[in-house]
Amino acid sequence: NYRDPAKPAFATLTFKGGGDATAAGRAVMETGEFDYAWNLQLAPDVIA
């Protein structure tokens, strides 16, 4: 019943919690397991 009949584009959403910032960053930028990782409180060289 969302007000825009064409949205959202995604049929389902998985919101995983837990682990640590390192694992979250890797899951998006290295393995591609997840689409979005929040609050990557990591050292700059790790992000690079």
All heavy atoms as atom14 arrays in JSON, in Angstrom:
{
  "sequence": "NYRDPAKPAFATLTFKGGGDATAAGRAVMETGEFDYAWNLQLAPDVIA",
  "atom14_mask": [
    [1, 1, 1, 1, 1, 1, 1, 1, 0, 0, 0, 0, 0, 0],
    [1, 1, 1, 1, 1, 1, 1, 1, 1, 1, 1, 1, 0, 0],
    [1, 1, 1, 1, 1, 1, 1, 1, 1, 1, 1, 0, 0, 0],
    [1, 1, 1, 1, 1, 1, 1, 1, 0, 0, 0, 0, 0, 0],
    [1, 1, 1, 1, 1, 1, 1, 0, 0, 0, 0, 0, 0, 0],
    [1, 1, 1, 1, 1, 0, 0, 0, 0, 0, 0, 0, 0, 0],
    [1, 1, 1, 1, 1, 1, 1, 1, 1, 0, 0, 0, 0, 0],
    [1, 1, 1, 1, 1, 1, 1, 0, 0, 0, 0, 0, 0, 0],
    [1, 1, 1, 1, 1, 0, 0, 0, 0, 0, 0, 0, 0, 0],
    [1, 1, 1, 1, 1, 1, 1, 1, 1, 1, 1, 0, 0, 0],
    [1, 1, 1, 1, 1, 0, 0, 0, 0, 0, 0, 0, 0, 0],
    [1, 1, 1, 1, 1, 1, 1, 0, 0, 0, 0, 0, 0, 0],
    [1, 1, 1, 1, 1, 1, 1, 1, 0, 0, 0, 0, 0, 0],
    [1, 1, 1, 1, 1, 1, 1, 0, 0, 0, 0, 0, 0, 0],
    [1, 1, 1, 1, 1, 1, 1, 1, 1, 1, 1, 0, 0, 0],
    [1, 1, 1, 1, 1, 1, 1, 1, 1, 0, 0, 0, 0, 0],
    [1, 1, 1, 1, 0, 0, 0, 0, 0, 0, 0, 0, 0, 0],
    [1, 1, 1, 1, 0, 0, 0, 0, 0, 0, 0, 0, 0, 0],
    [1, 1, 1, 1, 0, 0, 0, 0, 0, 0, 0, 0, 0, 0],
    [1, 1, 1, 1, 1, 1, 1, 1, 0, 0, 0, 0, 0, 0],
    [1, 1, 1, 1, 1, 0, 0, 0, 0, 0, 0, 0, 0, 0],
    [1, 1, 1, 1, 1, 1, 1, 0, 0, 0, 0, 0, 0, 0],
    [1, 1, 1, 1, 1, 0, 0, 0, 0, 0, 0, 0, 0, 0],
    [1, 1, 1, 1, 1, 0, 0, 0, 0, 0, 0, 0, 0, 0],
    [1, 1, 1, 1, 0, 0, 0, 0, 0, 0, 0, 0, 0, 0],
    [1, 1, 1, 1, 1, 1, 1, 1, 1, 1, 1, 0, 0, 0],
    [1, 1, 1, 1, 1, 0, 0, 0, 0, 0, 0, 0, 0, 0],
    [1, 1, 1, 1, 1, 1, 1, 0, 0, 0, 0, 0, 0, 0],
    [1, 1, 1, 1, 1, 1, 1, 1, 0, 0, 0, 0, 0, 0],
    [1, 1, 1, 1, 1, 1, 1, 1, 1, 0, 0, 0, 0, 0],
    [1, 1, 1, 1, 1, 1, 1, 0, 0, 0, 0, 0, 0, 0],
    [1, 1, 1, 1, 0, 0, 0, 0, 0, 0, 0, 0, 0, 0],
    [1, 1, 1, 1, 1, 1, 1, 1, 1, 0, 0, 0, 0, 0],
    [1, 1, 1, 1, 1, 1, 1, 1, 1, 1, 1, 0, 0, 0],
    [1, 1, 1, 1, 1, 1, 1, 1, 0, 0, 0, 0, 0, 0],
    [1, 1, 1, 1, 1, 1, 1, 1, 1, 1, 1, 1, 0, 0],
    [1, 1, 1, 1, 1, 0, 0, 0, 0, 0, 0, 0, 0, 0],
    [1, 1, 1, 1, 1, 1, 1, 1, 1, 1, 1, 1, 1, 1],
    [1, 1, 1, 1, 1, 1, 1, 1, 0, 0, 0, 0, 0, 0],
    [1, 1, 1, 1, 1, 1, 1, 1, 0, 0, 0, 0, 0, 0],
    [1, 1, 1, 1, 1, 1, 1, 1, 1, 0, 0, 0, 0, 0],
    [1, 1, 1, 1, 1, 1, 1, 1, 0, 0, 0, 0, 0, 0],
    [1, 1, 1, 1, 1, 0, 0, 0, 0, 0, 0, 0, 0, 0],
    [1, 1, 1, 1, 1, 1, 1, 0, 0, 0, 0, 0, 0, 0],
    [1, 1, 1, 1, 1, 1, 1, 1, 0, 0, 0, 0, 0, 0],
    [1, 1, 1, 1, 1, 1, 1, 0, 0, 0, 0, 0, 0, 0],
    [1, 1, 1, 1, 1, 1, 1, 1, 0, 0, 0, 0, 0, 0],
    [1, 1, 1, 1, 1, 0, 0, 0, 0, 0, 0, 0, 0, 0]
  ],
  "atom14_positions": [
    [[0.82, -1.22, 0.0], [0.0, 0.0, 0.0], [0.84, 1.26, 0.0], [0.36, 2.34, 0.36], [-0.93, -0.01, 1.22], [-2.01, -1.08, 1.11], [-2.83, -1.05, 0.21], [-1.98, -2.04, 2.03], [0.0, 0.0, 0.0], [0.0, 0.0, 0.0], [0.0, 0.0, 0.0], [0.0, 0.0, 0.0], [0.0, 0.0, 0.0], [0.0, 0.0, 0.0]],
    [[2.11, 1.13, -0.42], [2.97, 2.32, -0.47], [2.42, 3.32, -1.48], [1.88, 2.93, -2.52], [4.4, 1.91, -0.83], [5.4, 3.04, -0.71], [5.63, 3.66, 0.51], [6.1, 3.5, -1.82], [6.53, 4.7, 0.64], [7.02, 4.54, -1.7], [7.23, 5.13, -0.47], [8.12, 6.17, -0.36], [0.0, 0.0, 0.0], [0.0, 0.0, 0.0]],
    [[2.57, 4.61, -1.18], [1.89, 5.66, -1.95], [2.34, 5.76, -3.4], [1.6, 6.28, -4.24], [2.06, 7.0, -1.25], [3.49, 7.4, -0.96], [3.54, 8.63, -0.07], [4.88, 8.96, 0.39], [5.46, 8.42, 1.45], [4.8, 7.5, 2.14], [6.67, 8.77, 1.81], [0.0, 0.0, 0.0], [0.0, 0.0, 0.0], [0.0, 0.0, 0.0]],
    [[3.56, 5.31, -3.71], [4.02, 5.3, -5.11], [3.89, 3.88, -5.63], [4.61, 2.98, -5.19], [5.47, 5.78, -5.19], [5.96, 5.95, -6.62], [5.47, 5.22, -7.51], [6.83, 6.82, -6.85], [0.0, 0.0, 0.0], [0.0, 0.0, 0.0], [0.0, 0.0, 0.0], [0.0, 0.0, 0.0], [0.0, 0.0, 0.0], [0.0, 0.0, 0.0]],
    [[3.01, 3.63, -6.58], [2.74, 2.25, -7.03], [3.94, 1.59, -7.7], [3.95, 0.35, -7.85], [1.57, 2.42, -8.01], [1.65, 3.84, -8.46], [2.17, 4.62, -7.29], [0.0, 0.0, 0.0], [0.0, 0.0, 0.0], [0.0, 0.0, 0.0], [0.0, 0.0, 0.0], [0.0, 0.0, 0.0], [0.0, 0.0, 0.0], [0.0, 0.0, 0.0]],
    [[4.94, 2.36, -8.12], [6.11, 1.77, -8.78], [7.26, 1.51, -7.8], [8.29, 0.98, -8.2], [6.59, 2.69, -9.9], [0.0, 0.0, 0.0], [0.0, 0.0, 0.0], [0.0, 0.0, 0.0], [0.0, 0.0, 0.0], [0.0, 0.0, 0.0], [0.0, 0.0, 0.0], [0.0, 0.0, 0.0], [0.0, 0.0, 0.0], [0.0, 0.0, 0.0]],
    [[7.09, 1.88, -6.53], [8.17, 1.74, -5.56], [7.68, 0.95, -4.34], [6.49, 0.91, -4.06], [8.65, 3.14, -5.11], [9.23, 3.98, -6.23], [9.68, 5.35, -5.7], [10.22, 6.23, -6.83], [10.65, 7.56, -6.35], [0.0, 0.0, 0.0], [0.0, 0.0, 0.0], [0.0, 0.0, 0.0], [0.0, 0.0, 0.0], [0.0, 0.0, 0.0]],
    [[8.62, 0.31, -3.64], [10.05, 0.22, -3.91], [10.36, -0.76, -5.03], [9.55, -1.64, -5.32], [10.62, -0.27, -2.58], [9.52, -1.12, -2.02], [8.25, -0.42, -2.4], [0.0, 0.0, 0.0], [0.0, 0.0, 0.0], [0.0, 0.0, 0.0], [0.0, 0.0, 0.0], [0.0, 0.0, 0.0], [0.0, 0.0, 0.0], [0.0, 0.0, 0.0]],
    [[11.54, -0.62, -5.62], [11.95, -1.52, -6.7], [12.22, -2.93, -6.18], [12.1, -3.9, -6.93], [13.19, -0.98, -7.41], [0.0, 0.0, 0.0], [0.0, 0.0, 0.0], [0.0, 0.0, 0.0], [0.0, 0.0, 0.0], [0.0, 0.0, 0.0], [0.0, 0.0, 0.0], [0.0, 0.0, 0.0], [0.0, 0.0, 0.0], [0.0, 0.0, 0.0]],
    [[12.58, -3.03, -4.9], [12.94, -4.33, -4.34], [11.72, -5.0, -3.7], [10.98, -4.38, -2.94], [14.07, -4.19, -3.32], [15.36, -3.77, -3.96], [15.79, -2.44, -3.88], [16.14, -4.68, -4.66], [16.98, -2.06, -4.47], [17.32, -4.29, -5.26], [17.75, -2.98, -5.18], [0.0, 0.0, 0.0], [0.0, 0.0, 0.0], [0.0, 0.0, 0.0]],
    [[11.55, -6.28, -4.01], [10.43, -7.05, -3.47], [10.65, -7.4, -2.01], [9.71, -7.46, -1.22], [10.23, -8.33, -4.28], [0.0, 0.0, 0.0], [0.0, 0.0, 0.0], [0.0, 0.0, 0.0], [0.0, 0.0, 0.0], [0.0, 0.0, 0.0], [0.0, 0.0, 0.0], [0.0, 0.0, 0.0], [0.0, 0.0, 0.0], [0.0, 0.0, 0.0]],
    [[11.91, -7.63, -1.65], [12.23, -8.01, -0.29], [13.48, -7.28, 0.17], [14.29, -6.81, -0.64], [12.45, -9.52, -0.14], [13.51, -9.93, -1.02], [11.19, -10.29, -0.48], [0.0, 0.0, 0.0], [0.0, 0.0, 0.0], [0.0, 0.0, 0.0], [0.0, 0.0, 0.0], [0.0, 0.0, 0.0], [0.0, 0.0, 0.0], [0.0, 0.0, 0.0]],
    [[13.64, -7.2, 1.49], [14.8, -6.56, 2.08], [15.27, -7.4, 3.26], [14.47, -7.83, 4.09], [14.45, -5.14, 2.54], [15.56, -4.29, 3.16], [15.33, -2.81, 2.83], [15.63, -4.47, 4.68], [0.0, 0.0, 0.0], [0.0, 0.0, 0.0], [0.0, 0.0, 0.0], [0.0, 0.0, 0.0], [0.0, 0.0, 0.0], [0.0, 0.0, 0.0]],
    [[16.57, -7.65, 3.29], [17.18, -8.35, 4.42], [18.05, -7.36, 5.17], [18.93, -6.73, 4.59], [18.05, -9.53, 3.94], [17.25, -10.42, 3.16], [18.63, -10.29, 5.13], [0.0, 0.0, 0.0], [0.0, 0.0, 0.0], [0.0, 0.0, 0.0], [0.0, 0.0, 0.0], [0.0, 0.0, 0.0], [0.0, 0.0, 0.0], [0.0, 0.0, 0.0]],
    [[17.8, -7.23, 6.46], [18.54, -6.29, 7.3], [19.3, -7.11, 8.34], [18.72, -7.58, 9.31], [17.57, -5.32, 7.98], [18.21, -4.1, 8.59], [17.96, -2.84, 8.09], [19.06, -4.22, 9.67], [18.53, -1.7, 8.65], [19.64, -3.1, 10.25], [19.38, -1.85, 9.74], [0.0, 0.0, 0.0], [0.0, 0.0, 0.0], [0.0, 0.0, 0.0]],
    [[20.59, -7.3, 8.12], [21.4, -8.12, 9.02], [22.09, -7.23, 10.03], [22.67, -6.2, 9.69], [22.45, -8.92, 8.24], [23.3, -9.85, 9.11], [22.49, -11.02, 9.58], [23.34, -12.0, 10.4], [23.63, -11.52, 11.77], [0.0, 0.0, 0.0], [0.0, 0.0, 0.0], [0.0, 0.0, 0.0], [0.0, 0.0, 0.0], [0.0, 0.0, 0.0]],
    [[22.06, -7.65, 11.3], [22.73, -6.92, 12.35], [23.78, -7.77, 13.03], [23.73, -9.0, 13.0], [0.0, 0.0, 0.0], [0.0, 0.0, 0.0], [0.0, 0.0, 0.0], [0.0, 0.0, 0.0], [0.0, 0.0, 0.0], [0.0, 0.0, 0.0], [0.0, 0.0, 0.0], [0.0, 0.0, 0.0], [0.0, 0.0, 0.0], [0.0, 0.0, 0.0]],
    [[24.76, -7.09, 13.63], [25.78, -7.81, 14.38], [27.1, -7.9, 13.64], [27.27, -7.39, 12.54], [0.0, 0.0, 0.0], [0.0, 0.0, 0.0], [0.0, 0.0, 0.0], [0.0, 0.0, 0.0], [0.0, 0.0, 0.0], [0.0, 0.0, 0.0], [0.0, 0.0, 0.0], [0.0, 0.0, 0.0], [0.0, 0.0, 0.0], [0.0, 0.0, 0.0]],
    [[28.05, -8.57, 14.29], [29.39, -8.66, 13.73], [30.2, -7.44, 14.1], [30.07, -6.89, 15.18], [0.0, 0.0, 0.0], [0.0, 0.0, 0.0], [0.0, 0.0, 0.0], [0.0, 0.0, 0.0], [0.0, 0.0, 0.0], [0.0, 0.0, 0.0], [0.0, 0.0, 0.0], [0.0, 0.0, 0.0], [0.0, 0.0, 0.0], [0.0, 0.0, 0.0]],
    [[31.02, -6.98, 13.16], [31.81, -5.78, 13.42], [31.94, -4.98, 12.13], [31.53, -5.42, 11.05], [33.19, -6.13, 13.98], [33.97, -7.1, 13.1], [33.94, -6.96, 11.86], [34.63, -8.0, 13.66], [0.0, 0.0, 0.0], [0.0, 0.0, 0.0], [0.0, 0.0, 0.0], [0.0, 0.0, 0.0], [0.0, 0.0, 0.0], [0.0, 0.0, 0.0]],
    [[32.49, -3.77, 12.26], [32.57, -2.87, 11.11], [33.45, -3.44, 10.01], [33.18, -3.24, 8.82], [33.1, -1.51, 11.56], [0.0, 0.0, 0.0], [0.0, 0.0, 0.0], [0.0, 0.0, 0.0], [0.0, 0.0, 0.0], [0.0, 0.0, 0.0], [0.0, 0.0, 0.0], [0.0, 0.0, 0.0], [0.0, 0.0, 0.0], [0.0, 0.0, 0.0]],
    [[34.49, -4.17, 10.38], [35.38, -4.76, 9.38], [34.63, -5.76, 8.52], [34.7, -5.73, 7.28], [36.58, -5.43, 10.06], [37.28, -4.47, 10.84], [37.52, -6.04, 9.03], [0.0, 0.0, 0.0], [0.0, 0.0, 0.0], [0.0, 0.0, 0.0], [0.0, 0.0, 0.0], [0.0, 0.0, 0.0], [0.0, 0.0, 0.0], [0.0, 0.0, 0.0]],
    [[33.91, -6.67, 9.16], [33.16, -7.68, 8.42], [32.09, -7.04, 7.54], [31.85, -7.47, 6.4], [32.53, -8.67, 9.39], [0.0, 0.0, 0.0], [0.0, 0.0, 0.0], [0.0, 0.0, 0.0], [0.0, 0.0, 0.0], [0.0, 0.0, 0.0], [0.0, 0.0, 0.0], [0.0, 0.0, 0.0], [0.0, 0.0, 0.0], [0.0, 0.0, 0.0]],
    [[31.45, -5.98, 8.05], [30.41, -5.29, 7.28], [30.99, -4.65, 6.03], [30.43, -4.76, 4.93], [29.72, -4.25, 8.15], [0.0, 0.0, 0.0], [0.0, 0.0, 0.0], [0.0, 0.0, 0.0], [0.0, 0.0, 0.0], [0.0, 0.0, 0.0], [0.0, 0.0, 0.0], [0.0, 0.0, 0.0], [0.0, 0.0, 0.0], [0.0, 0.0, 0.0]],
    [[32.12, -3.95, 6.19], [32.76, -3.32, 5.03], [33.18, -4.33, 3.99], [32.99, -4.12, 2.78], [0.0, 0.0, 0.0], [0.0, 0.0, 0.0], [0.0, 0.0, 0.0], [0.0, 0.0, 0.0], [0.0, 0.0, 0.0], [0.0, 0.0, 0.0], [0.0, 0.0, 0.0], [0.0, 0.0, 0.0], [0.0, 0.0, 0.0], [0.0, 0.0, 0.0]],
    [[33.76, -5.43, 4.42], [34.18, -6.47, 3.48], [32.99, -7.08, 2.75], [33.08, -7.4, 1.56], [34.94, -7.56, 4.24], [36.36, -7.16, 4.65], [37.0, -8.23, 5.49], [38.38, -7.89, 5.83], [39.07, -8.44, 6.81], [38.51, -9.37, 7.57], [40.32, -8.06, 7.05], [0.0, 0.0, 0.0], [0.0, 0.0, 0.0], [0.0, 0.0, 0.0]],
    [[31.88, -7.24, 3.46], [30.71, -7.88, 2.88], [30.14, -7.08, 1.72], [29.48, -7.64, 0.83], [29.64, -8.09, 3.95], [0.0, 0.0, 0.0], [0.0, 0.0, 0.0], [0.0, 0.0, 0.0], [0.0, 0.0, 0.0], [0.0, 0.0, 0.0], [0.0, 0.0, 0.0], [0.0, 0.0, 0.0], [0.0, 0.0, 0.0], [0.0, 0.0, 0.0]],
    [[30.39, -5.77, 1.69], [29.93, -4.94, 0.58], [31.03, -4.72, -0.45], [30.83, -4.94, -1.65], [29.41, -3.58, 1.11], [29.14, -2.62, -0.06], [28.14, -3.77, 1.91], [0.0, 0.0, 0.0], [0.0, 0.0, 0.0], [0.0, 0.0, 0.0], [0.0, 0.0, 0.0], [0.0, 0.0, 0.0], [0.0, 0.0, 0.0], [0.0, 0.0, 0.0]],
    [[32.2, -4.31, -0.01], [33.24, -3.87, -0.95], [34.17, -4.97, -1.45], [34.8, -4.81, -2.49], [34.05, -2.73, -0.32], [33.24, -1.45, -0.15], [34.23, -0.03, 0.4], [34.4, -0.38, 2.15], [0.0, 0.0, 0.0], [0.0, 0.0, 0.0], [0.0, 0.0, 0.0], [0.0, 0.0, 0.0], [0.0, 0.0, 0.0], [0.0, 0.0, 0.0]],
    [[34.25, -6.1, -0.73], [35.15, -7.16, -1.16], [34.42, -8.4, -1.67], [34.71, -8.89, -2.75], [36.1, -7.55, -0.02], [37.09, -6.45, 0.35], [38.09, -6.88, 1.41], [38.1, -8.08, 1.78], [38.86, -6.02, 1.88], [0.0, 0.0, 0.0], [0.0, 0.0, 0.0], [0.0, 0.0, 0.0], [0.0, 0.0, 0.0], [0.0, 0.0, 0.0]],
    [[33.45, -8.88, -0.9], [32.76, -10.12, -1.31], [31.47, -9.86, -2.08], [31.0, -10.75, -2.79], [32.44, -10.98, -0.07], [31.42, -10.34, 0.71], [33.68, -11.19, 0.78], [0.0, 0.0, 0.0], [0.0, 0.0, 0.0], [0.0, 0.0, 0.0], [0.0, 0.0, 0.0], [0.0, 0.0, 0.0], [0.0, 0.0, 0.0], [0.0, 0.0, 0.0]],
    [[30.88, -8.69, -1.91], [29.62, -8.39, -2.59], [28.42, -9.12, -2.01], [27.37, -9.18, -2.65], [0.0, 0.0, 0.0], [0.0, 0.0, 0.0], [0.0, 0.0, 0.0], [0.0, 0.0, 0.0], [0.0, 0.0, 0.0], [0.0, 0.0, 0.0], [0.0, 0.0, 0.0], [0.0, 0.0, 0.0], [0.0, 0.0, 0.0], [0.0, 0.0, 0.0]],
    [[28.55, -9.62, -0.79], [27.47, -10.37, -0.17], [26.3, -9.48, 0.21], [25.14, -9.9, 0.21], [28.01, -11.09, 1.08], [27.0, -11.92, 1.81], [27.56, -12.53, 3.1], [28.77, -12.3, 3.39], [26.8, -13.21, 3.81], [0.0, 0.0, 0.0], [0.0, 0.0, 0.0], [0.0, 0.0, 0.0], [0.0, 0.0, 0.0], [0.0, 0.0, 0.0]],
    [[26.61, -8.21, 0.57], [25.57, -7.25, 0.95], [25.62, -6.03, 0.05], [26.63, -5.76, -0.6], [25.74, -6.84, 2.42], [25.27, -7.87, 3.4], [26.1, -8.93, 3.78], [23.99, -7.82, 3.93], [25.66, -9.9, 4.68], [23.54, -8.78, 4.83], [24.38, -9.81, 5.2], [0.0, 0.0, 0.0], [0.0, 0.0, 0.0], [0.0, 0.0, 0.0]],
    [[24.51, -5.29, 0.05], [24.39, -4.11, -0.81], [24.73, -2.81, -0.12], [25.14, -1.84, -0.77], [22.95, -4.01, -1.36], [22.61, -5.14, -2.3], [23.33, -5.3, -3.3], [21.63, -5.86, -2.02], [0.0, 0.0, 0.0], [0.0, 0.0, 0.0], [0.0, 0.0, 0.0], [0.0, 0.0, 0.0], [0.0, 0.0, 0.0], [0.0, 0.0, 0.0]],
    [[24.55, -2.75, 1.21], [24.79, -1.5, 1.92], [25.33, -1.81, 3.31], [24.77, -2.63, 4.04], [23.49, -0.68, 2.05], [23.71, 0.74, 2.52], [23.96, 1.77, 1.6], [23.69, 1.07, 3.88], [24.17, 3.08, 2.03], [23.9, 2.37, 4.31], [24.14, 3.37, 3.38], [24.36, 4.66, 3.8], [0.0, 0.0, 0.0], [0.0, 0.0, 0.0]],
    [[26.41, -1.13, 3.68], [27.01, -1.28, 5.01], [27.09, 0.09, 5.66], [27.61, 1.04, 5.07], [28.4, -1.91, 4.92], [0.0, 0.0, 0.0], [0.0, 0.0, 0.0], [0.0, 0.0, 0.0], [0.0, 0.0, 0.0], [0.0, 0.0, 0.0], [0.0, 0.0, 0.0], [0.0, 0.0, 0.0], [0.0, 0.0, 0.0], [0.0, 0.0, 0.0]],
    [[26.61, 0.18, 6.88], [26.49, 1.44, 7.61], [27.64, 1.64, 8.58], [28.18, 0.69, 9.14], [25.16, 1.4, 8.36], [24.97, 2.37, 9.49], [24.53, 3.66, 9.38], [25.15, 2.13, 10.89], [24.43, 4.22, 10.64], [24.8, 3.31, 11.58], [25.57, 1.01, 11.63], [24.87, 3.41, 12.97], [25.64, 1.11, 13.01], [25.29, 2.3, 13.67]],
    [[28.03, 2.9, 8.77], [28.9, 3.31, 9.86], [30.19, 2.5, 9.91], [30.47, 1.81, 10.89], [28.16, 3.2, 11.2], [28.93, 3.78, 12.37], [29.77, 4.66, 12.2], [28.66, 3.28, 13.56], [0.0, 0.0, 0.0], [0.0, 0.0, 0.0], [0.0, 0.0, 0.0], [0.0, 0.0, 0.0], [0.0, 0.0, 0.0], [0.0, 0.0, 0.0]],
    [[30.99, 2.61, 8.86], [32.24, 1.86, 8.8], [33.32, 2.58, 9.59], [34.18, 3.27, 9.04], [32.64, 1.65, 7.33], [31.62, 0.84, 6.53], [32.1, 0.64, 5.11], [31.32, -0.51, 7.2], [0.0, 0.0, 0.0], [0.0, 0.0, 0.0], [0.0, 0.0, 0.0], [0.0, 0.0, 0.0], [0.0, 0.0, 0.0], [0.0, 0.0, 0.0]],
    [[33.22, 2.4, 10.9], [34.13, 3.05, 11.83], [35.45, 2.29, 11.82], [35.77, 1.51, 12.71], [33.5, 3.06, 13.22], [34.19, 3.99, 14.21], [33.45, 4.02, 15.53], [32.38, 3.45, 15.67], [34.02, 4.69, 16.51], [0.0, 0.0, 0.0], [0.0, 0.0, 0.0], [0.0, 0.0, 0.0], [0.0, 0.0, 0.0], [0.0, 0.0, 0.0]],
    [[36.24, 2.55, 10.78], [37.49, 1.82, 10.53], [38.6, 2.79, 10.17], [38.35, 3.9, 9.7], [37.3, 0.82, 9.39], [36.25, -0.28, 9.61], [35.92, -0.97, 8.29], [36.73, -1.28, 10.65], [0.0, 0.0, 0.0], [0.0, 0.0, 0.0], [0.0, 0.0, 0.0], [0.0, 0.0, 0.0], [0.0, 0.0, 0.0], [0.0, 0.0, 0.0]],
    [[39.81, 2.34, 10.36], [40.96, 3.17, 10.0], [40.99, 3.4, 8.49], [40.56, 2.54, 7.71], [42.25, 2.49, 10.45], [0.0, 0.0, 0.0], [0.0, 0.0, 0.0], [0.0, 0.0, 0.0], [0.0, 0.0, 0.0], [0.0, 0.0, 0.0], [0.0, 0.0, 0.0], [0.0, 0.0, 0.0], [0.0, 0.0, 0.0], [0.0, 0.0, 0.0]],
    [[41.5, 4.56, 8.05], [41.48, 4.91, 6.63], [42.17, 3.89, 5.72], [41.67, 3.61, 4.62], [42.23, 6.25, 6.59], [42.06, 6.82, 7.95], [42.03, 5.65, 8.89], [0.0, 0.0, 0.0], [0.0, 0.0, 0.0], [0.0, 0.0, 0.0], [0.0, 0.0, 0.0], [0.0, 0.0, 0.0], [0.0, 0.0, 0.0], [0.0, 0.0, 0.0]],
    [[43.28, 3.3, 6.15], [43.97, 2.33, 5.3], [43.15, 1.07, 5.12], [43.22, 0.41, 4.08], [45.35, 2.0, 5.87], [45.28, 1.41, 7.27], [44.45, 1.87, 8.07], [46.06, 0.48, 7.57], [0.0, 0.0, 0.0], [0.0, 0.0, 0.0], [0.0, 0.0, 0.0], [0.0, 0.0, 0.0], [0.0, 0.0, 0.0], [0.0, 0.0, 0.0]],
    [[42.35, 0.73, 6.12], [41.48, -0.45, 6.02], [40.4, -0.21, 4.97], [40.11, -1.08, 4.14], [40.85, -0.77, 7.39], [39.86, -1.93, 7.27], [41.94, -1.1, 8.41], [0.0, 0.0, 0.0], [0.0, 0.0, 0.0], [0.0, 0.0, 0.0], [0.0, 0.0, 0.0], [0.0, 0.0, 0.0], [0.0, 0.0, 0.0], [0.0, 0.0, 0.0]],
    [[39.8, 0.98, 5.0], [38.78, 1.33, 4.0], [39.38, 1.28, 2.59], [38.76, 0.76, 1.65], [38.2, 2.73, 4.27], [37.43, 2.74, 5.61], [37.3, 3.19, 3.13], [36.15, 1.94, 5.59], [0.0, 0.0, 0.0], [0.0, 0.0, 0.0], [0.0, 0.0, 0.0], [0.0, 0.0, 0.0], [0.0, 0.0, 0.0], [0.0, 0.0, 0.0]],
    [[40.59, 1.79, 2.43], [41.24, 1.82, 1.12], [41.45, 0.41, 0.59], [41.22, 0.13, -0.6], [42.58, 2.55, 1.22], [0.0, 0.0, 0.0], [0.0, 0.0, 0.0], [0.0, 0.0, 0.0], [0.0, 0.0, 0.0], [0.0, 0.0, 0.0], [0.0, 0.0, 0.0], [0.0, 0.0, 0.0], [0.0, 0.0, 0.0], [0.0, 0.0, 0.0]]
  ]
}
